[in-house]
N, C-alpha and C. Protein backbone atom coordinates (compact mmCIF):
# COMPACT_ATOMS: atom_id res chain seq x y z
N MET A 1 10.43 3.92 6.51
CA MET A 1 9.18 3.41 6.91
C MET A 1 8.71 2.65 5.93
N ILE A 2 7.75 1.81 6.93
CA ILE A 2 6.89 0.90 5.69
C ILE A 2 5.36 1.28 5.95
N VAL A 3 4.71 1.34 4.93
CA VAL A 3 3.18 1.97 5.23
C VAL A 3 2.26 0.50 4.64
N ALA A 4 1.44 0.04 5.42
CA ALA A 4 0.40 -1.08 4.59
C ALA A 4 -1.18 -0.25 4.68
N PHE A 5 -1.18 -0.06 3.33
CA PHE A 5 -2.54 0.69 3.21
C PHE A 5 -3.66 -0.22 2.00
N SER A 6 -4.88 0.12 2.40
CA SER A 6 -6.14 -0.35 1.56
C SER A 6 -7.01 0.62 1.31
N VAL A 7 -6.71 0.64 0.21
CA VAL A 7 -8.27 1.68 -0.51
C VAL A 7 -9.03 1.24 -1.02
N SER A 8 -10.41 1.93 -1.06
CA SER A 8 -11.82 1.23 -1.66
C SER A 8 -12.44 2.36 -1.76
N PRO A 9 -13.03 2.52 -3.13
CA PRO A 9 -13.72 3.65 -3.50
C PRO A 9 -15.19 3.02 -3.24
N SER A 10 -16.26 3.94 -2.96
CA SER A 10 -17.64 3.63 -2.92
C SER A 10 -18.43 3.34 -4.27
N GLY A 11 -18.72 2.35 -4.26
CA GLY A 11 -19.61 1.88 -5.66
C GLY A 11 -19.07 0.46 -6.10
N GLY A 12 -18.29 0.65 -7.04
CA GLY A 12 -17.60 -0.61 -7.49
C GLY A 12 -18.70 -1.28 -8.37
N ASP A 13 -18.48 -2.42 -9.15
CA ASP A 13 -19.46 -3.31 -9.60
C ASP A 13 -20.84 -3.71 -8.95
N PRO A 14 -21.81 -4.28 -9.65
CA PRO A 14 -22.90 -4.37 -8.92
C PRO A 14 -22.66 -5.67 -7.62
N ASP A 15 -21.88 -6.42 -7.93
CA ASP A 15 -21.26 -7.64 -6.42
C ASP A 15 -20.54 -6.98 -5.90
N GLY A 16 -19.88 -5.61 -5.62
CA GLY A 16 -19.57 -4.96 -4.82
C GLY A 16 -17.92 -5.03 -4.94
N GLY A 17 -17.63 -5.66 -6.27
CA GLY A 17 -15.99 -5.60 -6.48
C GLY A 17 -15.50 -4.43 -6.51
N VAL A 18 -14.34 -4.37 -6.36
CA VAL A 18 -13.42 -2.94 -6.28
C VAL A 18 -12.12 -3.35 -6.92
N SER A 19 -12.14 -4.42 -7.92
CA SER A 19 -10.38 -4.85 -8.23
C SER A 19 -10.18 -3.99 -8.97
N GLU A 20 -11.05 -3.60 -9.88
CA GLU A 20 -10.36 -2.68 -11.24
C GLU A 20 -9.70 -1.02 -10.53
N ALA A 21 -10.55 -0.65 -9.57
CA ALA A 21 -10.01 0.41 -9.00
C ALA A 21 -9.00 0.01 -8.17
N VAL A 22 -8.90 -0.90 -7.43
CA VAL A 22 -7.54 -1.35 -6.65
C VAL A 22 -6.26 -1.50 -7.20
N ALA A 23 -6.44 -2.04 -8.73
CA ALA A 23 -5.56 -2.26 -9.54
C ALA A 23 -4.95 -0.81 -10.10
N ARG A 24 -5.92 0.30 -10.01
CA ARG A 24 -5.47 1.45 -10.61
C ARG A 24 -4.32 2.15 -9.48
N ALA A 25 -4.66 1.66 -8.08
CA ALA A 25 -3.93 2.34 -7.09
C ALA A 25 -2.86 1.23 -6.96
N VAL A 26 -2.67 0.09 -7.35
CA VAL A 26 -1.45 -0.46 -7.00
C VAL A 26 -0.48 -0.48 -8.15
N ARG A 27 -1.29 -0.09 -9.56
CA ARG A 27 -0.01 0.39 -10.70
C ARG A 27 0.45 1.70 -10.42
N VAL A 28 -0.14 2.39 -9.51
CA VAL A 28 0.54 3.79 -9.00
C VAL A 28 1.73 3.31 -7.98
N VAL A 29 1.79 2.45 -7.00
CA VAL A 29 2.65 2.00 -6.22
C VAL A 29 3.98 1.25 -7.11
N ARG A 30 3.41 0.45 -8.13
CA ARG A 30 4.37 -0.50 -8.85
C ARG A 30 5.20 0.49 -9.48
N ASP A 31 4.65 1.71 -10.19
CA ASP A 31 5.41 2.48 -11.00
C ASP A 31 6.27 3.60 -10.26
N SER A 32 6.02 3.49 -8.74
CA SER A 32 6.76 4.40 -8.10
C SER A 32 8.23 4.04 -8.10
N GLY A 33 8.36 2.85 -8.22
CA GLY A 33 10.06 2.27 -8.08
C GLY A 33 10.26 1.94 -6.55
N LEU A 34 9.38 2.45 -5.34
CA LEU A 34 9.67 1.98 -4.26
C LEU A 34 9.45 0.42 -3.94
N PRO A 35 10.23 -0.21 -2.85
CA PRO A 35 9.99 -1.52 -2.77
C PRO A 35 8.46 -1.40 -2.31
N ASN A 36 7.91 -2.63 -2.58
CA ASN A 36 6.54 -2.83 -2.37
C ASN A 36 5.92 -4.02 -2.41
N SER A 37 4.83 -4.71 -1.98
CA SER A 37 4.19 -5.89 -2.30
C SER A 37 2.73 -5.77 -1.88
N THR A 38 1.80 -6.87 -2.32
CA THR A 38 0.43 -6.64 -2.32
C THR A 38 -0.04 -7.75 -2.09
N ASN A 39 -0.92 -8.04 -1.16
CA ASN A 39 -1.43 -9.62 -0.88
C ASN A 39 -3.26 -9.09 -0.96
N ALA A 40 -3.85 -9.99 -0.44
CA ALA A 40 -5.19 -9.96 -0.41
C ALA A 40 -6.05 -9.10 0.40
N MET A 41 -5.20 -8.26 1.39
CA MET A 41 -5.93 -7.09 2.13
C MET A 41 -5.03 -5.74 1.88
N PHE A 42 -3.80 -5.78 1.91
CA PHE A 42 -2.91 -4.42 1.90
C PHE A 42 -2.13 -4.52 0.99
N THR A 43 -1.59 -3.40 0.49
CA THR A 43 -0.50 -3.20 -0.21
C THR A 43 0.71 -2.26 0.78
N ASN A 44 1.80 -2.82 0.80
CA ASN A 44 3.02 -2.44 1.35
C ASN A 44 3.95 -1.83 0.62
N VAL A 45 4.49 -0.45 1.05
CA VAL A 45 5.54 0.33 0.50
C VAL A 45 6.23 0.72 1.27
N GLU A 46 7.52 0.87 0.84
CA GLU A 46 8.64 1.11 1.63
C GLU A 46 9.43 2.39 1.15
N GLY A 47 9.74 3.45 1.94
CA GLY A 47 10.56 4.65 1.68
C GLY A 47 10.76 5.44 2.67
N SER A 48 11.08 6.75 2.34
CA SER A 48 11.00 7.94 3.16
C SER A 48 9.59 8.30 3.45
N TRP A 49 9.41 8.92 4.55
CA TRP A 49 7.93 9.47 4.86
C TRP A 49 7.34 10.16 3.62
N ASP A 50 8.20 11.49 3.04
CA ASP A 50 7.60 12.04 2.02
C ASP A 50 7.34 11.37 0.50
N GLU A 51 8.30 10.17 0.23
CA GLU A 51 8.08 9.30 -0.73
C GLU A 51 6.70 8.67 -0.33
N VAL A 52 6.83 7.69 0.57
CA VAL A 52 5.70 7.13 1.05
C VAL A 52 4.20 7.64 0.77
N MET A 53 4.12 8.60 1.61
CA MET A 53 3.02 9.53 1.34
C MET A 53 2.58 10.02 0.31
N ASP A 54 3.66 10.42 -0.50
CA ASP A 54 3.26 11.07 -2.03
C ASP A 54 2.78 9.73 -3.11
N VAL A 55 2.98 8.60 -2.75
CA VAL A 55 2.54 7.35 -3.54
C VAL A 55 1.03 7.04 -2.92
N VAL A 56 0.98 7.12 -1.52
CA VAL A 56 -0.24 6.68 -1.11
C VAL A 56 -1.37 7.70 -1.45
N LYS A 57 -0.99 8.81 -1.55
CA LYS A 57 -2.24 9.88 -1.95
C LYS A 57 -2.24 9.86 -3.62
N ARG A 58 -1.55 9.38 -4.20
CA ARG A 58 -1.43 9.41 -5.69
C ARG A 58 -2.62 8.08 -6.03
N ALA A 59 -2.02 7.12 -5.14
CA ALA A 59 -2.72 5.80 -5.04
C ALA A 59 -4.34 5.90 -4.82
N VAL A 60 -4.25 6.84 -3.82
CA VAL A 60 -5.86 6.82 -3.48
C VAL A 60 -6.84 7.64 -4.58
N GLU A 61 -5.87 8.68 -4.91
CA GLU A 61 -6.53 9.34 -6.14
C GLU A 61 -6.88 8.64 -7.58
N ALA A 62 -6.12 7.68 -7.95
CA ALA A 62 -6.22 6.61 -8.55
C ALA A 62 -7.34 5.76 -8.68
N ALA A 63 -7.70 5.45 -7.53
CA ALA A 63 -8.48 4.37 -7.08
C ALA A 63 -9.85 4.89 -6.99
N GLY A 64 -9.80 6.31 -6.74
CA GLY A 64 -11.00 7.12 -6.45
C GLY A 64 -11.63 7.98 -7.83
N GLU A 65 -10.94 7.34 -9.01
CA GLU A 65 -11.48 8.27 -10.23
C GLU A 65 -12.94 7.91 -10.38
N GLY A 66 -13.46 8.53 -10.40
CA GLY A 66 -15.09 8.40 -10.75
C GLY A 66 -15.92 8.00 -9.71
N ALA A 67 -15.36 8.07 -8.26
CA ALA A 67 -16.16 7.53 -7.09
C ALA A 67 -16.20 8.98 -6.66
N ALA A 68 -17.81 8.68 -5.43
CA ALA A 68 -18.04 9.79 -4.90
C ALA A 68 -17.20 10.01 -3.52
N ARG A 69 -16.57 8.99 -3.05
CA ARG A 69 -15.92 9.02 -1.90
C ARG A 69 -14.68 7.56 -1.88
N VAL A 70 -14.09 7.59 -1.13
CA VAL A 70 -13.01 6.75 -1.04
C VAL A 70 -12.44 6.50 0.27
N SER A 71 -12.64 5.21 0.54
CA SER A 71 -11.92 4.54 2.02
C SER A 71 -10.39 4.44 1.95
N LEU A 72 -9.81 4.81 3.20
CA LEU A 72 -8.28 4.43 3.13
C LEU A 72 -8.09 3.92 4.41
N VAL A 73 -7.34 2.89 4.72
CA VAL A 73 -6.89 2.19 6.00
C VAL A 73 -5.59 2.13 5.93
N LEU A 74 -4.69 2.82 6.86
CA LEU A 74 -3.24 3.18 6.58
C LEU A 74 -2.72 2.72 7.92
N LYS A 75 -1.62 1.78 7.96
CA LYS A 75 -0.89 1.45 9.15
C LYS A 75 0.40 1.91 8.87
N ALA A 76 1.41 2.66 9.57
CA ALA A 76 2.67 2.67 9.20
C ALA A 76 3.81 2.29 10.25
N ASP A 77 4.88 2.09 9.96
CA ASP A 77 5.86 1.35 10.87
C ASP A 77 7.16 2.49 10.49
N ILE A 78 7.41 3.58 11.42
CA ILE A 78 8.21 4.39 11.56
C ILE A 78 9.30 4.09 12.46
N ARG A 79 10.32 3.38 11.91
CA ARG A 79 11.47 3.37 12.69
C ARG A 79 12.91 3.76 12.32
N PRO A 80 13.19 4.84 12.96
CA PRO A 80 14.50 5.23 12.63
C PRO A 80 15.77 4.56 12.69
N GLY A 81 16.65 4.57 11.59
CA GLY A 81 17.82 3.88 11.45
C GLY A 81 17.52 2.53 10.54
N PHE A 82 16.12 2.40 10.44
CA PHE A 82 15.78 1.10 9.43
C PHE A 82 15.12 1.84 8.25
N ASP A 83 16.06 2.36 7.26
CA ASP A 83 15.40 3.21 6.14
C ASP A 83 15.25 2.28 4.78
N SER A 84 15.89 0.89 4.87
CA SER A 84 15.48 0.44 3.59
C SER A 84 15.56 -1.24 4.12
N GLY A 85 15.05 -2.18 3.29
CA GLY A 85 15.34 -3.39 3.28
C GLY A 85 14.28 -4.10 4.20
N GLN A 86 13.43 -3.34 4.81
CA GLN A 86 12.68 -3.96 6.26
C GLN A 86 11.47 -4.78 5.44
N LEU A 87 11.02 -4.53 4.31
CA LEU A 87 9.77 -5.49 3.85
C LEU A 87 10.24 -6.74 3.72
N GLU A 88 11.53 -6.92 3.54
CA GLU A 88 12.03 -8.49 3.51
C GLU A 88 12.76 -8.67 4.97
N GLY A 89 13.34 -7.65 5.53
CA GLY A 89 14.12 -8.03 7.04
C GLY A 89 13.08 -8.27 8.02
N LYS A 90 11.90 -7.59 7.85
CA LYS A 90 11.18 -8.19 8.87
C LYS A 90 10.63 -9.38 8.99
N VAL A 91 10.44 -10.05 7.66
CA VAL A 91 9.82 -11.41 7.46
C VAL A 91 10.86 -12.19 7.95
N GLU A 92 11.94 -11.89 7.32
CA GLU A 92 13.15 -12.92 7.74
C GLU A 92 13.63 -12.96 9.25
N ARG A 93 13.41 -11.99 9.93
CA ARG A 93 13.66 -12.18 11.39
C ARG A 93 12.57 -12.99 12.06
N LEU A 94 11.21 -12.83 11.68
CA LEU A 94 10.19 -13.61 12.06
C LEU A 94 10.60 -14.98 11.97
N GLU A 95 10.85 -15.25 10.60
CA GLU A 95 11.07 -16.60 10.11
C GLU A 95 12.32 -17.25 11.04
N GLU A 96 13.12 -16.70 11.52
CA GLU A 96 14.29 -16.95 12.15
C GLU A 96 13.75 -17.80 13.19
N HIS A 97 12.86 -16.74 14.25
CA HIS A 97 12.27 -17.44 15.43
C HIS A 97 11.14 -18.63 15.20
N LEU A 98 10.75 -19.04 13.81
CA LEU A 98 9.76 -20.14 13.61
C LEU A 98 10.72 -21.12 13.40
N ARG A 99 12.01 -21.15 13.08
CA ARG A 99 12.60 -22.33 12.75
C ARG A 99 12.97 -23.12 14.01
């Protein structure tokens, strides 16, 4: 499965930035060893249901350190039979159609 998620604690810096908190969450994802990528809006992580949800939970906890509340947006692609390699595979199939 692939999960795209965005996590943001309440508060942050006076300008509304949350990059330090988000960096803590991304560090959890990267340290997990699961395939992942991060862009301006979401972090994508690929693995089994239990692996991915454990990482998301720990990332939310890390981002929320010191915050009164945390917002989580999560989208999951659950496709039996496609257990790995889909972070790149989905994009490769799309690019083939764009050529």
